[in-house]
Each structure stands twice: as C-alpha cells, then as structure tokens.
Amino acid sequence: MKALLAVSKGVDTLNEWIGLFAVWLMPVMVLVGVWNVFGRFFGQAIGQNLTSNLFIEMQWYLFSLTYLLGAAYVLRHNGHVRVDVLYDRWSAKTKAMINMLGSALILLPFAGFVIYFSWNWLAASWVILEQSPDPSGLPRYPIKTVLVFGFGLLIIQGISEFIKNLAIYTGAVDPEAEPHKTLTTADGHNAIAHVGDANLLADEVEHKAHPVHTPHAAETQSEEIKQ
C-alpha cells in the first residue's frame, strides 16, 4: 500500500502544478475578454478594427485550457459536485467505497471513452495541421491535443483517488481520515487528515508499520514492568 500511495503522491504533485498553471490562465482569459469587448465598441467609435479573430479565439482557447487542465486539479481537491445531503451522512469507509465505485464505474470509463473516440479525430487534425476556418484564427490541432491530454490527467488522478480511498477502506490508514478531521498520529502529534492528501496517508501507513515510541510511552511501559 505504501508503494501505491507513493504513486498517488506523484500524481497529486503533477496535477497540483498543472492545476496552478491553469488557475493563472484565468486572469489572462479575463483580460483578453475585456480587450475584445473594449476593442469592439471603442473601435467602432473611432472607425478602427481593434480586435480580430485571433483574440476572440484566444479567449475561448484559454477557457478550454482552464477547464481541461483544471479538471484533475479540482478532483484532487474533492471539488466536484456530489449529492452532499446523502454523502455527508455516511461513515468514512462507506464514503471510501462509494468514491472507489464512482471512480471505477463512471469516471475512468467515461474519460477512457472520450480519449478512445477522440484519437482518430485528433490524428486527422495533426495530419493536416488543422487551422481555423476564420481569417487570422488560431490552429485547431493544439487545443484538440490538450483535450485528450486533459482527460488523460483526469484518468491518472482518478486512479490516485482510488488508491487513497482503498487505503482508507482497507484500514491501511485511520478509517476516520475525513477532510478537515484531526487525527492523532502514533508519535502523539495532531495532523489534519484529508482524503485528497497522499502524503499524509502515506505517513499514516508508515506510522502503523513502524510505530514511534515516545519517551513518555517508554516511561509508562517501564513503570508497568516494575509493577
């Protein structure tokens, strides 16, 4: 389990960085959108064309990048919509089981189907280096590539979430390791457990496998032996 959680940790780190990159695309997208609106109306007022298809397509390209590259990041932070009125009532192990079923039966097959049915479409776009049908527009094949890449990120993050929930369900980590719940580790320190944090789950597995004996625990054990 520790090896699987190490893989999960690597996936989480990858999607964390890509997600943060996607976050910073949002203000750029907003600025481009503001320029498109400003350029359209101000340009009409002065009789000049201040915007173009390049900026219009750039705006929706940036939106697509934010969505496609950020989906796995949101999954990693447990930010996708769920029926909380039911989910919040379940125990940690039940939640872990539902999360695993959702990943195995819905998320992974859906993302896999998207990639499978997009592959020939993407390959054809690369063969001709597909361009925009509009003058001065952006090429199409790069954004189509990002679509497949984004769903690939979603697949590996889904596998990461499956591993972390499996660790909770099997008891490899504290079954009460719910988001924002404080746990006491084997060395007596408090830690904030989060299902989306593979680092903490890996630490919890390590503590279970190799408990840390504190001086206080050693003194207590010595007193018990004397008695």
C-alpha atoms as a PDB file:
ATOM      1  CA  MET A   1       0.000   0.000   0.000  1.00  0.00           C
ATOM      2  CA  LYS A   2       2.865   2.357   0.763  1.00  0.00           C
ATOM      3  CA  ALA A   3       4.190   1.936  -2.799  1.00  0.00           C
ATOM      4  CA  LEU A   4       0.744   2.674  -4.245  1.00  0.00           C
ATOM      5  CA  LEU A   5       0.441   5.772  -2.088  1.00  0.00           C
ATOM      6  CA  ALA A   6       3.855   6.891  -3.344  1.00  0.00           C
ATOM      7  CA  VAL A   7       2.487   6.665  -6.898  1.00  0.00           C
ATOM      8  CA  SER A   8      -0.589   8.585  -5.766  1.00  0.00           C
ATOM      9  CA  LYS A   9       1.640  11.252  -4.252  1.00  0.00           C
ATOM     10  CA  GLY A  10       3.468  11.693  -7.570  1.00  0.00           C
ATOM     11  CA  VAL A  11       0.196  12.037  -9.484  1.00  0.00           C
ATOM     12  CA  ASP A  12      -1.120  14.538  -6.940  1.00  0.00           C
ATOM     13  CA  THR A  13       2.025  16.638  -7.242  1.00  0.00           C
ATOM     14  CA  LEU A  14       1.846  16.627 -11.042  1.00  0.00           C
ATOM     15  CA  ASN A  15      -1.796  17.703 -11.146  1.00  0.00           C
ATOM     16  CA  GLU A  16      -1.221  20.272  -8.405  1.00  0.00           C
ATOM     17  CA  TRP A  17       1.338  22.099 -10.540  1.00  0.00           C
ATOM     18  CA  ILE A  18      -0.689  21.793 -13.741  1.00  0.00           C
ATOM     19  CA  GLY A  19      -3.800  22.980 -11.896  1.00  0.00           C
ATOM     20  CA  LEU A  20      -1.988  26.025 -10.525  1.00  0.00           C
ATOM     21  CA  PHE A  21      -0.854  26.825 -14.061  1.00  0.00           C
ATOM     22  CA  ALA A  22      -4.487  26.606 -15.204  1.00  0.00           C
ATOM     23  CA  VAL A  23      -5.545  28.940 -12.387  1.00  0.00           C
ATOM     24  CA  TRP A  24      -3.173  31.629 -13.649  1.00  0.00           C
ATOM     25  CA  LEU A  25      -4.661  31.344 -17.129  1.00  0.00           C
ATOM     26  CA  MET A  26      -7.953  32.701 -15.793  1.00  0.00           C
ATOM     27  CA  PRO A  27      -6.864  36.340 -15.283  1.00  0.00           C
ATOM     28  CA  VAL A  28      -5.246  36.246 -18.729  1.00  0.00           C
ATOM     29  CA  MET A  29      -8.551  34.997 -20.165  1.00  0.00           C
ATOM     30  CA  VAL A  30     -10.427  37.812 -18.407  1.00  0.00           C
ATOM     31  CA  LEU A  31      -8.026  40.440 -19.759  1.00  0.00           C
ATOM     32  CA  VAL A  32      -8.376  39.108 -23.299  1.00  0.00           C
ATOM     33  CA  GLY A  33     -12.173  39.138 -22.914  1.00  0.00           C
ATOM     34  CA  VAL A  34     -12.114  42.730 -21.662  1.00  0.00           C
ATOM     35  CA  TRP A  35      -9.971  43.730 -24.608  1.00  0.00           C
ATOM     36  CA  ASN A  36     -12.365  42.032 -27.042  1.00  0.00           C
ATOM     37  CA  VAL A  37     -15.304  43.997 -25.641  1.00  0.00           C
ATOM     38  CA  PHE A  38     -13.375  47.271 -25.388  1.00  0.00           C
ATOM     39  CA  GLY A  39     -11.822  46.887 -28.820  1.00  0.00           C
ATOM     40  CA  ARG A  40     -15.154  46.147 -30.442  1.00  0.00           C
ATOM     41  CA  PHE A  41     -17.064  49.147 -29.109  1.00  0.00           C
ATOM     42  CA  PHE A  42     -14.200  51.660 -28.969  1.00  0.00           C
ATOM     43  CA  GLY A  43     -13.035  50.564 -32.397  1.00  0.00           C
ATOM     44  CA  GLN A  44     -16.496  51.204 -33.821  1.00  0.00           C
ATOM     45  CA  ALA A  45     -16.483  54.655 -32.232  1.00  0.00           C
ATOM     46  CA  ILE A  46     -13.210  55.670 -33.880  1.00  0.00           C
ATOM     47  CA  GLY A  47     -13.734  53.707 -37.061  1.00  0.00           C
ATOM     48  CA  GLN A  48     -10.858  51.278 -36.466  1.00  0.00           C
ATOM     49  CA  ASN A  49     -10.743  47.494 -36.113  1.00  0.00           C
ATOM     50  CA  LEU A  50      -9.052  46.991 -32.728  1.00  0.00           C
ATOM     51  CA  THR A  51      -9.822  43.308 -32.293  1.00  0.00           C
ATOM     52  CA  SER A  52      -9.647  40.234 -34.503  1.00  0.00           C
ATOM     53  CA  ASN A  53     -10.478  36.550 -34.724  1.00  0.00           C
ATOM     54  CA  LEU A  54      -7.087  35.893 -33.126  1.00  0.00           C
ATOM     55  CA  PHE A  55      -8.154  37.466 -29.821  1.00  0.00           C
ATOM     56  CA  ILE A  56     -11.679  36.070 -29.963  1.00  0.00           C
ATOM     57  CA  GLU A  57     -10.401  32.525 -30.438  1.00  0.00           C
ATOM     58  CA  MET A  58      -7.651  33.094 -27.877  1.00  0.00           C
ATOM     59  CA  GLN A  59     -10.347  33.824 -25.299  1.00  0.00           C
ATOM     60  CA  TRP A  60     -12.140  30.519 -25.771  1.00  0.00           C
ATOM     61  CA  TYR A  61      -8.830  28.670 -26.101  1.00  0.00           C
ATOM     62  CA  LEU A  62      -7.844  29.981 -22.668  1.00  0.00           C
ATOM     63  CA  PHE A  63     -11.229  28.972 -21.269  1.00  0.00           C
ATOM     64  CA  SER A  64     -10.784  25.477 -22.724  1.00  0.00           C
ATOM     65  CA  LEU A  65      -7.282  25.191 -21.262  1.00  0.00           C
ATOM     66  CA  THR A  66      -8.529  26.251 -17.828  1.00  0.00           C
ATOM     67  CA  TYR A  67     -11.306  23.658 -17.917  1.00  0.00           C
ATOM     68  CA  LEU A  68      -9.316  20.776 -19.403  1.00  0.00           C
ATOM     69  CA  LEU A  69      -6.154  21.242 -17.334  1.00  0.00           C
ATOM     70  CA  GLY A  70      -8.026  22.132 -14.157  1.00  0.00           C
ATOM     71  CA  ALA A  71     -10.470  19.203 -14.024  1.00  0.00           C
ATOM     72  CA  ALA A  72      -7.944  16.798 -12.471  1.00  0.00           C
ATOM     73  CA  TYR A  73      -6.817  19.519 -10.037  1.00  0.00           C
ATOM     74  CA  VAL A  74     -10.409  20.004  -8.863  1.00  0.00           C
ATOM     75  CA  LEU A  75     -10.819  16.231  -8.466  1.00  0.00           C
ATOM     76  CA  ARG A  76      -7.616  16.105  -6.428  1.00  0.00           C
ATOM     77  CA  HIS A  77      -9.121  18.708  -4.060  1.00  0.00           C
ATOM     78  CA  ASN A  78     -12.512  16.947  -3.907  1.00  0.00           C
ATOM     79  CA  GLY A  79     -14.195  19.934  -5.534  1.00  0.00           C
ATOM     80  CA  HIS A  80     -16.556  18.245  -7.987  1.00  0.00           C
ATOM     81  CA  VAL A  81     -20.296  18.251  -7.332  1.00  0.00           C
ATOM     82  CA  ARG A  82     -21.775  15.398  -5.311  1.00  0.00           C
ATOM     83  CA  VAL A  83     -25.090  14.782  -3.506  1.00  0.00           C
ATOM     84  CA  ASP A  84     -23.895  16.025  -0.109  1.00  0.00           C
ATOM     85  CA  VAL A  85     -27.275  15.513   1.585  1.00  0.00           C
ATOM     86  CA  LEU A  86     -26.613  11.763   1.361  1.00  0.00           C
ATOM     87  CA  TYR A  87     -22.822  11.628   1.244  1.00  0.00           C
ATOM     88  CA  ASP A  88     -22.257  13.573   4.462  1.00  0.00           C
ATOM     89  CA  ARG A  89     -24.348  11.074   6.450  1.00  0.00           C
ATOM     90  CA  TRP A  90     -22.185   8.071   5.589  1.00  0.00           C
ATOM     91  CA  SER A  91     -19.208   6.722   7.520  1.00  0.00           C
ATOM     92  CA  ALA A  92     -15.664   7.235   6.257  1.00  0.00           C
ATOM     93  CA  LYS A  93     -15.441   3.644   4.969  1.00  0.00           C
ATOM     94  CA  THR A  94     -18.775   3.929   3.162  1.00  0.00           C
ATOM     95  CA  LYS A  95     -17.629   7.169   1.569  1.00  0.00           C
ATOM     96  CA  ALA A  96     -14.393   5.485   0.501  1.00  0.00           C
ATOM     97  CA  MET A  97     -16.331   2.596  -1.067  1.00  0.00           C
ATOM     98  CA  ILE A  98     -18.675   4.980  -2.936  1.00  0.00           C
ATOM     99  CA  ASN A  99     -15.695   7.010  -4.142  1.00  0.00           C
ATOM    100  CA  MET A 100     -13.984   3.864  -5.435  1.00  0.00           C
ATOM    101  CA  LEU A 101     -17.141   2.714  -7.227  1.00  0.00           C
ATOM    102  CA  GLY A 102     -17.592   6.160  -8.742  1.00  0.00           C
ATOM    103  CA  SER A 103     -14.018   6.180  -9.998  1.00  0.00           C
ATOM    104  CA  ALA A 104     -14.088   2.608 -11.346  1.00  0.00           C
ATOM    105  CA  LEU A 105     -17.577   2.606 -12.889  1.00  0.00           C
ATOM    106  CA  ILE A 106     -18.104   6.206 -14.001  1.00  0.00           C
ATOM    107  CA  LEU A 107     -15.036   8.456 -14.034  1.00  0.00           C
ATOM    108  CA  LEU A 108     -12.426   6.141 -15.543  1.00  0.00           C
ATOM    109  CA  PRO A 109     -14.690   4.570 -18.221  1.00  0.00           C
ATOM    110  CA  PHE A 110     -16.051   7.984 -19.258  1.00  0.00           C
ATOM    111  CA  ALA A 111     -12.599   9.560 -19.543  1.00  0.00           C
ATOM    112  CA  GLY A 112     -11.344   6.477 -21.373  1.00  0.00           C
ATOM    113  CA  PHE A 113     -14.224   6.649 -23.877  1.00  0.00           C
ATOM    114  CA  VAL A 114     -13.508  10.327 -24.546  1.00  0.00           C
ATOM    115  CA  ILE A 115      -9.861   9.571 -25.317  1.00  0.00           C
ATOM    116  CA  TYR A 116     -10.708   6.491 -27.405  1.00  0.00           C
ATOM    117  CA  PHE A 117     -13.280   8.238 -29.581  1.00  0.00           C
ATOM    118  CA  SER A 118     -11.157  11.390 -29.884  1.00  0.00           C
ATOM    119  CA  TRP A 119      -7.985   9.652 -31.019  1.00  0.00           C
ATOM    120  CA  ASN A 120      -8.727   9.358 -34.761  1.00  0.00           C
ATOM    121  CA  TRP A 121     -10.236  12.844 -34.723  1.00  0.00           C
ATOM    122  CA  LEU A 122      -7.026  14.187 -33.159  1.00  0.00           C
ATOM    123  CA  ALA A 123      -4.766  12.229 -35.520  1.00  0.00           C
ATOM    124  CA  ALA A 124      -6.629  13.565 -38.562  1.00  0.00           C
ATOM    125  CA  SER A 125      -6.224  17.093 -37.229  1.00  0.00           C
ATOM    126  CA  TRP A 126      -2.461  16.604 -36.862  1.00  0.00           C
ATOM    127  CA  VAL A 127      -2.089  15.079 -40.341  1.00  0.00           C
ATOM    128  CA  ILE A 128      -3.365  18.262 -41.982  1.00  0.00           C
ATOM    129  CA  LEU A 129      -2.208  20.617 -39.201  1.00  0.00           C
ATOM    130  CA  GLU A 130      -5.798  21.806 -38.980  1.00  0.00           C
ATOM    131  CA  GLN A 131      -6.254  25.565 -38.942  1.00  0.00           C
ATOM    132  CA  SER A 132      -9.099  27.862 -38.002  1.00  0.00           C
ATOM    133  CA  PRO A 133     -11.698  28.418 -40.746  1.00  0.00           C
ATOM    134  CA  ASP A 134     -11.705  32.120 -39.829  1.00  0.00           C
ATOM    135  CA  PRO A 135      -9.073  34.580 -41.082  1.00  0.00           C
ATOM    136  CA  SER A 136      -6.227  35.171 -38.589  1.00  0.00           C
ATOM    137  CA  GLY A 137      -7.658  32.475 -36.315  1.00  0.00           C
ATOM    138  CA  LEU A 138      -5.636  30.041 -34.224  1.00  0.00           C
ATOM    139  CA  PRO A 139      -4.729  26.487 -35.318  1.00  0.00           C
ATOM    140  CA  ARG A 140      -7.079  23.765 -34.131  1.00  0.00           C
ATOM    141  CA  TYR A 141      -4.767  20.783 -33.592  1.00  0.00           C
ATOM    142  CA  PRO A 142      -3.051  22.088 -30.414  1.00  0.00           C
ATOM    143  CA  ILE A 143      -6.295  22.622 -28.494  1.00  0.00           C
ATOM    144  CA  LYS A 144      -7.586  19.223 -29.637  1.00  0.00           C
ATOM    145  CA  THR A 145      -4.381  17.716 -28.247  1.00  0.00           C
ATOM    146  CA  VAL A 146      -4.994  19.392 -24.902  1.00  0.00           C
ATOM    147  CA  LEU A 147      -8.480  17.836 -24.795  1.00  0.00           C
ATOM    148  CA  VAL A 148      -7.013  14.326 -24.923  1.00  0.00           C
ATOM    149  CA  PHE A 149      -4.200  15.305 -22.550  1.00  0.00           C
ATOM    150  CA  GLY A 150      -6.656  16.782 -20.037  1.00  0.00           C
ATOM    151  CA  PHE A 151      -8.745  13.627 -19.911  1.00  0.00           C
ATOM    152  CA  GLY A 152      -5.527  11.642 -19.519  1.00  0.00           C
ATOM    153  CA  LEU A 153      -4.754  13.720 -16.424  1.00  0.00           C
ATOM    154  CA  LEU A 154      -8.269  13.018 -15.190  1.00  0.00           C
ATOM    155  CA  ILE A 155      -7.685   9.264 -15.572  1.00  0.00           C
ATOM    156  CA  ILE A 156      -4.453   9.200 -13.584  1.00  0.00           C
ATOM    157  CA  GLN A 157      -5.973  11.437 -10.893  1.00  0.00           C
ATOM    158  CA  GLY A 158      -8.961   9.089 -10.734  1.00  0.00           C
ATOM    159  CA  ILE A 159      -6.536   6.211 -10.146  1.00  0.00           C
ATOM    160  CA  SER A 160      -4.818   8.263  -7.444  1.00  0.00           C
ATOM    161  CA  GLU A 161      -8.135   8.915  -5.692  1.00  0.00           C
ATOM    162  CA  PHE A 162      -8.992   5.204  -5.944  1.00  0.00           C
ATOM    163  CA  ILE A 163      -5.701   4.313  -4.226  1.00  0.00           C
ATOM    164  CA  LYS A 164      -6.261   6.780  -1.390  1.00  0.00           C
ATOM    165  CA  ASN A 165      -9.816   5.635  -0.795  1.00  0.00           C
ATOM    166  CA  LEU A 166      -8.674   1.997  -0.940  1.00  0.00           C
ATOM    167  CA  ALA A 167      -6.165   2.772   1.817  1.00  0.00           C
ATOM    168  CA  ILE A 168      -8.987   4.090   3.979  1.00  0.00           C
ATOM    169  CA  TYR A 169     -11.417   1.279   3.137  1.00  0.00           C
ATOM    170  CA  THR A 170      -8.915  -1.496   3.878  1.00  0.00           C
ATOM    171  CA  GLY A 171      -7.841   0.082   7.146  1.00  0.00           C
ATOM    172  CA  ALA A 172      -4.295   0.817   5.991  1.00  0.00           C
ATOM    173  CA  VAL A 173      -4.946   4.295   7.378  1.00  0.00           C
ATOM    174  CA  ASP A 174      -7.324   5.562  10.023  1.00  0.00           C
ATOM    175  CA  PRO A 175     -10.874   4.927   8.696  1.00  0.00           C
ATOM    176  CA  GLU A 176     -11.912   8.304  10.084  1.00  0.00           C
ATOM    177  CA  ALA A 177      -9.456  10.148   7.814  1.00  0.00           C
ATOM    178  CA  GLU A 178     -12.101  12.516   6.507  1.00  0.00           C
ATOM    179  CA  PRO A 179     -11.426  16.015   5.176  1.00  0.00           C
ATOM    180  CA  HIS A 180     -10.582  18.549   7.893  1.00  0.00           C
ATOM    181  CA  LYS A 181     -10.697  15.928  10.667  1.00  0.00           C
ATOM    182  CA  THR A 182      -7.896  15.945  13.237  1.00  0.00           C
ATOM    183  CA  LEU A 183      -6.096  12.664  13.815  1.00  0.00           C
ATOM    184  CA  THR A 184      -3.532  11.773  16.432  1.00  0.00           C
ATOM    185  CA  THR A 185      -0.590  10.005  14.841  1.00  0.00           C
ATOM    186  CA  ALA A 186       1.477   7.322  16.561  1.00  0.00           C
ATOM    187  CA  ASP A 187       4.048   9.858  17.762  1.00  0.00           C
ATOM    188  CA  GLY A 188       1.372  11.797  19.634  1.00  0.00           C
ATOM    189  CA  HIS A 189       1.160  14.752  17.261  1.00  0.00           C
ATOM    190  CA  ASN A 190      -2.059  16.020  15.729  1.00  0.00           C
ATOM    191  CA  ALA A 191      -2.377  16.128  11.963  1.00  0.00           C
ATOM    192  CA  ILE A 192      -5.120  17.242   9.625  1.00  0.00           C
ATOM    193  CA  ALA A 193      -6.230  14.261   7.582  1.00  0.00           C
ATOM    194  CA  HIS A 194      -7.502  14.768   4.092  1.00  0.00           C
ATOM    195  CA  VAL A 195      -8.579  12.039   1.707  1.00  0.00           C
ATOM    196  CA  GLY A 196      -7.004  14.071  -1.097  1.00  0.00           C
ATOM    197  CA  ASP A 197      -3.570  14.192   0.578  1.00  0.00           C
ATOM    198  CA  ALA A 198      -1.491  11.165  -0.343  1.00  0.00           C
ATOM    199  CA  ASN A 199       1.432  12.456   1.719  1.00  0.00           C
ATOM    200  CA  LEU A 200      -0.491  12.253   4.974  1.00  0.00           C
ATOM    201  CA  LEU A 201      -1.976   8.876   4.109  1.00  0.00           C
ATOM    202  CA  ALA A 202       1.487   7.524   3.317  1.00  0.00           C
ATOM    203  CA  ASP A 203       2.741   8.880   6.644  1.00  0.00           C
ATOM    204  CA  GLU A 204      -0.170   7.203   8.412  1.00  0.00           C
ATOM    205  CA  VAL A 205       0.731   3.865   6.797  1.00  0.00           C
ATOM    206  CA  GLU A 206       4.358   4.346   7.868  1.00  0.00           C
ATOM    207  CA  HIS A 207       3.292   5.078  11.449  1.00  0.00           C
ATOM    208  CA  LYS A 208       1.182   1.929  11.536  1.00  0.00           C
ATOM    209  CA  ALA A 209       4.013  -0.193  10.156  1.00  0.00           C
ATOM    210  CA  HIS A 210       6.712   1.346  12.350  1.00  0.00           C
ATOM    211  CA  PRO A 211       5.206   2.929  15.472  1.00  0.00           C
ATOM    212  CA  VAL A 212       7.279   5.636  17.072  1.00  0.00           C
ATOM    213  CA  HIS A 213       7.894   5.072  20.776  1.00  0.00           C
ATOM    214  CA  THR A 214       7.975   8.385  22.605  1.00  0.00           C
ATOM    215  CA  PRO A 215       9.918   8.886  25.865  1.00  0.00           C
ATOM    216  CA  HIS A 216       6.615   9.198  27.722  1.00  0.00           C
ATOM    217  CA  ALA A 217       5.459   5.855  26.332  1.00  0.00           C
ATOM    218  CA  ALA A 218       8.777   4.250  27.321  1.00  0.00           C
ATOM    219  CA  GLU A 219       8.485   5.580  30.888  1.00  0.00           C
ATOM    220  CA  THR A 220       4.925   4.277  31.156  1.00  0.00           C
ATOM    221  CA  GLN A 221       5.999   0.867  29.896  1.00  0.00           C
ATOM    222  CA  SER A 222       8.905   0.808  32.395  1.00  0.00           C
ATOM    223  CA  GLU A 223       6.577   1.625  35.290  1.00  0.00           C
ATOM    224  CA  GLU A 224       4.198  -1.152  34.223  1.00  0.00           C
ATOM    225  CA  ILE A 225       7.074  -3.654  34.210  1.00  0.00           C
ATOM    226  CA  LYS A 226       8.165  -2.594  37.710  1.00  0.00           C
ATOM    227  CA  GLN A 227       4.640  -3.076  38.994  1.00  0.00           C
END
